Amino acid sequence: MDIRSVELNFNRHDADGMGSLYTKGGQLLPPSADVVSDRDGIAAFWQKVFDMSE
């Protein structure tokens, strides 16, 4: 994962793009929340984040 790809996907609100940056068995550890596992789960997490910002 490189920071430029994170920046591009984040700024585009591309949840699937954010999920694709993780390995198949990747995990996201958001603060004060449960661990989010696998690409689909991570993409869903980011979609919720992006939905809250609109």
PDB file of N, CA and C in Angstrom:
ATOM      1  N   MET A   1       0.857  -1.173   0.000  1.00  0.00           N
ATOM      2  CA  MET A   1       0.000   0.000   0.000  1.00  0.00           C
ATOM      3  C   MET A   1       0.900   1.231   0.000  1.00  0.00           C
ATOM      4  N   ASP A   2       0.637   2.133  -0.930  1.00  0.00           N
ATOM      5  CA  ASP A   2       1.411   3.373  -0.930  1.00  0.00           C
ATOM      6  C   ASP A   2       0.481   4.552  -0.630  1.00  0.00           C
ATOM      7  N   ILE A   3       1.039   5.571  -0.060  1.00  0.00           N
ATOM      8  CA  ILE A   3       0.249   6.704   0.424  1.00  0.00           C
ATOM      9  C   ILE A   3      -0.469   7.420  -0.714  1.00  0.00           C
ATOM     10  N   ARG A   4       0.115   7.453  -1.887  1.00  0.00           N
ATOM     11  CA  ARG A   4      -0.532   8.123  -3.031  1.00  0.00           C
ATOM     12  C   ARG A   4      -1.832   7.417  -3.405  1.00  0.00           C
ATOM     13  N   SER A   5      -1.839   6.097  -3.412  1.00  0.00           N
ATOM     14  CA  SER A   5      -3.059   5.344  -3.723  1.00  0.00           C
ATOM     15  C   SER A   5      -4.126   5.565  -2.662  1.00  0.00           C
ATOM     16  N   VAL A   6      -3.707   5.621  -1.413  1.00  0.00           N
ATOM     17  CA  VAL A   6      -4.651   5.906  -0.326  1.00  0.00           C
ATOM     18  C   VAL A   6      -5.262   7.287  -0.549  1.00  0.00           C
ATOM     19  N   GLU A   7      -4.415   8.260  -0.819  1.00  0.00           N
ATOM     20  CA  GLU A   7      -4.879   9.636  -1.023  1.00  0.00           C
ATOM     21  C   GLU A   7      -5.863   9.732  -2.190  1.00  0.00           C
ATOM     22  N   LEU A   8      -5.535   9.126  -3.312  1.00  0.00           N
ATOM     23  CA  LEU A   8      -6.398   9.191  -4.492  1.00  0.00           C
ATOM     24  C   LEU A   8      -7.754   8.548  -4.233  1.00  0.00           C
ATOM     25  N   ASN A   9      -7.742   7.338  -3.674  1.00  0.00           N
ATOM     26  CA  ASN A   9      -9.001   6.640  -3.410  1.00  0.00           C
ATOM     27  C   ASN A   9      -9.826   7.354  -2.348  1.00  0.00           C
ATOM     28  N   PHE A  10      -9.177   7.856  -1.327  1.00  0.00           N
ATOM     29  CA  PHE A  10      -9.888   8.571  -0.271  1.00  0.00           C
ATOM     30  C   PHE A  10     -10.542   9.835  -0.832  1.00  0.00           C
ATOM     31  N   ASN A  11      -9.795  10.618  -1.579  1.00  0.00           N
ATOM     32  CA  ASN A  11     -10.334  11.865  -2.126  1.00  0.00           C
ATOM     33  C   ASN A  11     -11.457  11.635  -3.128  1.00  0.00           C
ATOM     34  N   ARG A  12     -11.458  10.499  -3.780  1.00  0.00           N
ATOM     35  CA  ARG A  12     -12.527  10.142  -4.725  1.00  0.00           C
ATOM     36  C   ARG A  12     -13.730   9.503  -4.028  1.00  0.00           C
ATOM     37  N   HIS A  13     -13.588   9.272  -2.734  1.00  0.00           N
ATOM     38  CA  HIS A  13     -14.604   8.526  -1.961  1.00  0.00           C
ATOM     39  C   HIS A  13     -14.848   7.162  -2.605  1.00  0.00           C
ATOM     40  N   ASP A  14     -13.772   6.511  -2.996  1.00  0.00           N
ATOM     41  CA  ASP A  14     -13.817   5.210  -3.664  1.00  0.00           C
ATOM     42  C   ASP A  14     -13.609   4.104  -2.636  1.00  0.00           C
ATOM     43  N   ALA A  15     -14.712   3.625  -2.067  1.00  0.00           N
ATOM     44  CA  ALA A  15     -14.636   2.607  -1.018  1.00  0.00           C
ATOM     45  C   ALA A  15     -14.033   1.308  -1.541  1.00  0.00           C
ATOM     46  N   ASP A  16     -14.426   0.890  -2.749  1.00  0.00           N
ATOM     47  CA  ASP A  16     -13.856  -0.337  -3.310  1.00  0.00           C
ATOM     48  C   ASP A  16     -12.361  -0.172  -3.558  1.00  0.00           C
ATOM     49  N   GLY A  17     -11.974   1.005  -3.996  1.00  0.00           N
ATOM     50  CA  GLY A  17     -10.552   1.283  -4.182  1.00  0.00           C
ATOM     51  C   GLY A  17      -9.788   1.211  -2.878  1.00  0.00           C
ATOM     52  N   MET A  18     -10.382   1.738  -1.816  1.00  0.00           N
ATOM     53  CA  MET A  18      -9.733   1.655  -0.501  1.00  0.00           C
ATOM     54  C   MET A  18      -9.599   0.195  -0.080  1.00  0.00           C
ATOM     55  N   GLY A  19     -10.652  -0.588  -0.268  1.00  0.00           N
ATOM     56  CA  GLY A  19     -10.601  -2.006   0.090  1.00  0.00           C
ATOM     57  C   GLY A  19      -9.552  -2.762  -0.705  1.00  0.00           C
ATOM     58  N   SER A  20      -9.387  -2.385  -1.967  1.00  0.00           N
ATOM     59  CA  SER A  20      -8.435  -3.095  -2.831  1.00  0.00           C
ATOM     60  C   SER A  20      -6.985  -2.874  -2.423  1.00  0.00           C
ATOM     61  N   LEU A  21      -6.738  -1.880  -1.586  1.00  0.00           N
ATOM     62  CA  LEU A  21      -5.373  -1.608  -1.143  1.00  0.00           C
ATOM     63  C   LEU A  21      -4.894  -2.607  -0.089  1.00  0.00           C
ATOM     64  N   TYR A  22      -5.808  -3.378   0.459  1.00  0.00           N
ATOM     65  CA  TYR A  22      -5.484  -4.350   1.506  1.00  0.00           C
ATOM     66  C   TYR A  22      -5.326  -5.736   0.893  1.00  0.00           C
ATOM     67  N   THR A  23      -4.578  -6.597   1.559  1.00  0.00           N
ATOM     68  CA  THR A  23      -4.448  -7.975   1.110  1.00  0.00           C
ATOM     69  C   THR A  23      -5.771  -8.696   1.320  1.00  0.00           C
ATOM     70  N   LYS A  24      -5.899  -9.849   0.697  1.00  0.00           N
ATOM     71  CA  LYS A  24      -7.136 -10.636   0.784  1.00  0.00           C
ATOM     72  C   LYS A  24      -7.565 -10.859   2.234  1.00  0.00           C
ATOM     73  N   GLY A  25      -6.639 -11.127   3.112  1.00  0.00           N
ATOM     74  CA  GLY A  25      -6.945 -11.361   4.521  1.00  0.00           C
ATOM     75  C   GLY A  25      -6.636 -10.168   5.407  1.00  0.00           C
ATOM     76  N   GLY A  26      -6.555  -8.992   4.795  1.00  0.00           N
ATOM     77  CA  GLY A  26      -6.181  -7.791   5.537  1.00  0.00           C
ATOM     78  C   GLY A  26      -7.176  -7.416   6.622  1.00  0.00           C
ATOM     79  N   GLN A  27      -6.701  -6.626   7.553  1.00  0.00           N
ATOM     80  CA  GLN A  27      -7.545  -6.159   8.650  1.00  0.00           C
ATOM     81  C   GLN A  27      -7.343  -4.664   8.845  1.00  0.00           C
ATOM     82  N   LEU A  28      -8.427  -4.007   9.211  1.00  0.00           N
ATOM     83  CA  LEU A  28      -8.413  -2.591   9.540  1.00  0.00           C
ATOM     84  C   LEU A  28      -8.768  -2.480  11.009  1.00  0.00           C
ATOM     85  N   LEU A  29      -8.000  -1.704  11.749  1.00  0.00           N
ATOM     86  CA  LEU A  29      -8.228  -1.560  13.189  1.00  0.00           C
ATOM     87  C   LEU A  29      -8.635  -0.127  13.507  1.00  0.00           C
ATOM     88  N   PRO A  30      -9.913   0.206  13.290  1.00  0.00           N
ATOM     89  CA  PRO A  30     -10.350   1.567  13.590  1.00  0.00           C
ATOM     90  C   PRO A  30     -10.370   1.814  15.094  1.00  0.00           C
ATOM     91  N   PRO A  31     -10.082   3.030  15.516  1.00  0.00           N
ATOM     92  CA  PRO A  31     -10.073   3.322  16.954  1.00  0.00           C
ATOM     93  C   PRO A  31     -11.466   3.164  17.560  1.00  0.00           C
ATOM     94  N   SER A  32     -11.511   2.587  18.742  1.00  0.00           N
ATOM     95  CA  SER A  32     -12.764   2.424  19.500  1.00  0.00           C
ATOM     96  C   SER A  32     -13.838   1.672  18.721  1.00  0.00           C
ATOM     97  N   ALA A  33     -13.425   0.705  17.910  1.00  0.00           N
ATOM     98  CA  ALA A  33     -14.376  -0.090  17.123  1.00  0.00           C
ATOM     99  C   ALA A  33     -13.816  -1.495  16.934  1.00  0.00           C
ATOM    100  N   ASP A  34     -14.671  -2.387  16.456  1.00  0.00           N
ATOM    101  CA  ASP A  34     -14.245  -3.762  16.196  1.00  0.00           C
ATOM    102  C   ASP A  34     -13.305  -3.822  14.993  1.00  0.00           C
ATOM    103  N   VAL A  35     -12.500  -4.860  14.957  1.00  0.00           N
ATOM    104  CA  VAL A  35     -11.609  -5.109  13.825  1.00  0.00           C
ATOM    105  C   VAL A  35     -12.463  -5.380  12.586  1.00  0.00           C
ATOM    106  N   VAL A  36     -12.073  -4.812  11.467  1.00  0.00           N
ATOM    107  CA  VAL A  36     -12.756  -5.032  10.195  1.00  0.00           C
ATOM    108  C   VAL A  36     -11.855  -5.927   9.360  1.00  0.00           C
ATOM    109  N   SER A  37     -12.408  -7.041   8.867  1.00  0.00           N
ATOM    110  CA  SER A  37     -11.598  -8.021   8.149  1.00  0.00           C
ATOM    111  C   SER A  37     -12.010  -8.161   6.692  1.00  0.00           C
ATOM    112  N   ASP A  38     -11.113  -8.514   5.868  1.00  0.00           N
ATOM    113  CA  ASP A  38     -11.152  -8.793   4.432  1.00  0.00           C
ATOM    114  C   ASP A  38     -11.510  -7.562   3.608  1.00  0.00           C
ATOM    115  N   ARG A  39     -11.214  -7.646   2.331  1.00  0.00           N
ATOM    116  CA  ARG A  39     -11.385  -6.488   1.441  1.00  0.00           C
ATOM    117  C   ARG A  39     -12.815  -5.979   1.391  1.00  0.00           C
ATOM    118  N   ASP A  40     -13.780  -6.896   1.327  1.00  0.00           N
ATOM    119  CA  ASP A  40     -15.181  -6.468   1.258  1.00  0.00           C
ATOM    120  C   ASP A  40     -15.602  -5.748   2.527  1.00  0.00           C
ATOM    121  N   GLY A  41     -15.191  -6.262   3.666  1.00  0.00           N
ATOM    122  CA  GLY A  41     -15.516  -5.618   4.936  1.00  0.00           C
ATOM    123  C   GLY A  41     -14.867  -4.255   5.061  1.00  0.00           C
ATOM    124  N   ILE A  42     -13.637  -4.155   4.598  1.00  0.00           N
ATOM    125  CA  ILE A  42     -12.918  -2.880   4.651  1.00  0.00           C
ATOM    126  C   ILE A  42     -13.566  -1.875   3.702  1.00  0.00           C
ATOM    127  N   ALA A  43     -13.951  -2.325   2.515  1.00  0.00           N
ATOM    128  CA  ALA A  43     -14.641  -1.435   1.575  1.00  0.00           C
ATOM    129  C   ALA A  43     -15.960  -0.947   2.174  1.00  0.00           C
ATOM    130  N   ALA A  44     -16.695  -1.838   2.833  1.00  0.00           N
ATOM    131  CA  ALA A  44     -17.961  -1.451   3.469  1.00  0.00           C
ATOM    132  C   ALA A  44     -17.718  -0.427   4.577  1.00  0.00           C
ATOM    133  N   PHE A  45     -16.651  -0.621   5.340  1.00  0.00           N
ATOM    134  CA  PHE A  45     -16.296   0.348   6.382  1.00  0.00           C
ATOM    135  C   PHE A  45     -16.073   1.729   5.765  1.00  0.00           C
ATOM    136  N   TRP A  46     -15.269   1.783   4.708  1.00  0.00           N
ATOM    137  CA  TRP A  46     -14.971   3.068   4.083  1.00  0.00           C
ATOM    138  C   TRP A  46     -16.212   3.684   3.459  1.00  0.00           C
ATOM    139  N   GLN A  47     -17.104   2.857   2.923  1.00  0.00           N
ATOM    140  CA  GLN A  47     -18.337   3.401   2.356  1.00  0.00           C
ATOM    141  C   GLN A  47     -19.153   4.103   3.437  1.00  0.00           C
ATOM    142  N   LYS A  48     -19.216   3.516   4.627  1.00  0.00           N
ATOM    143  CA  LYS A  48     -19.927   4.154   5.742  1.00  0.00           C
ATOM    144  C   LYS A  48     -19.273   5.486   6.109  1.00  0.00           C
ATOM    145  N   VAL A  49     -17.948   5.508   6.124  1.00  0.00           N
ATOM    146  CA  VAL A  49     -17.228   6.754   6.421  1.00  0.00           C
ATOM    147  C   VAL A  49     -17.577   7.816   5.378  1.00  0.00           C
ATOM    148  N   PHE A  50     -17.526   7.437   4.110  1.00  0.00           N
ATOM    149  CA  PHE A  50     -17.811   8.396   3.049  1.00  0.00           C
ATOM    150  C   PHE A  50     -19.269   8.848   3.089  1.00  0.00           C
ATOM    151  N   ASP A  51     -20.184   7.936   3.391  1.00  0.00           N
ATOM    152  CA  ASP A  51     -21.604   8.297   3.485  1.00  0.00           C
ATOM    153  C   ASP A  51     -21.850   9.312   4.599  1.00  0.00           C
ATOM    154  N   MET A  52     -21.114   9.193   5.690  1.00  0.00           N
ATOM    155  CA  MET A  52     -21.281  10.132   6.803  1.00  0.00           C
ATOM    156  C   MET A  52     -20.789  11.535   6.450  1.00  0.00           C
ATOM    157  N   SER A  53     -19.893  11.631   5.488  1.00  0.00           N
ATOM    158  CA  SER A  53     -19.305  12.932   5.157  1.00  0.00           C
ATOM    159  C   SER A  53     -20.101  13.689   4.096  1.00  0.00           C
ATOM    160  N   GLU A  54     -21.149  13.073   3.591  1.00  0.00           N
ATOM    161  CA  GLU A  54     -21.944  13.743   2.539  1.00  0.00           C
ATOM    162  C   GLU A  54     -23.157  14.413   3.109  1.00  0.00           C
TER     163      GLU A  54
END
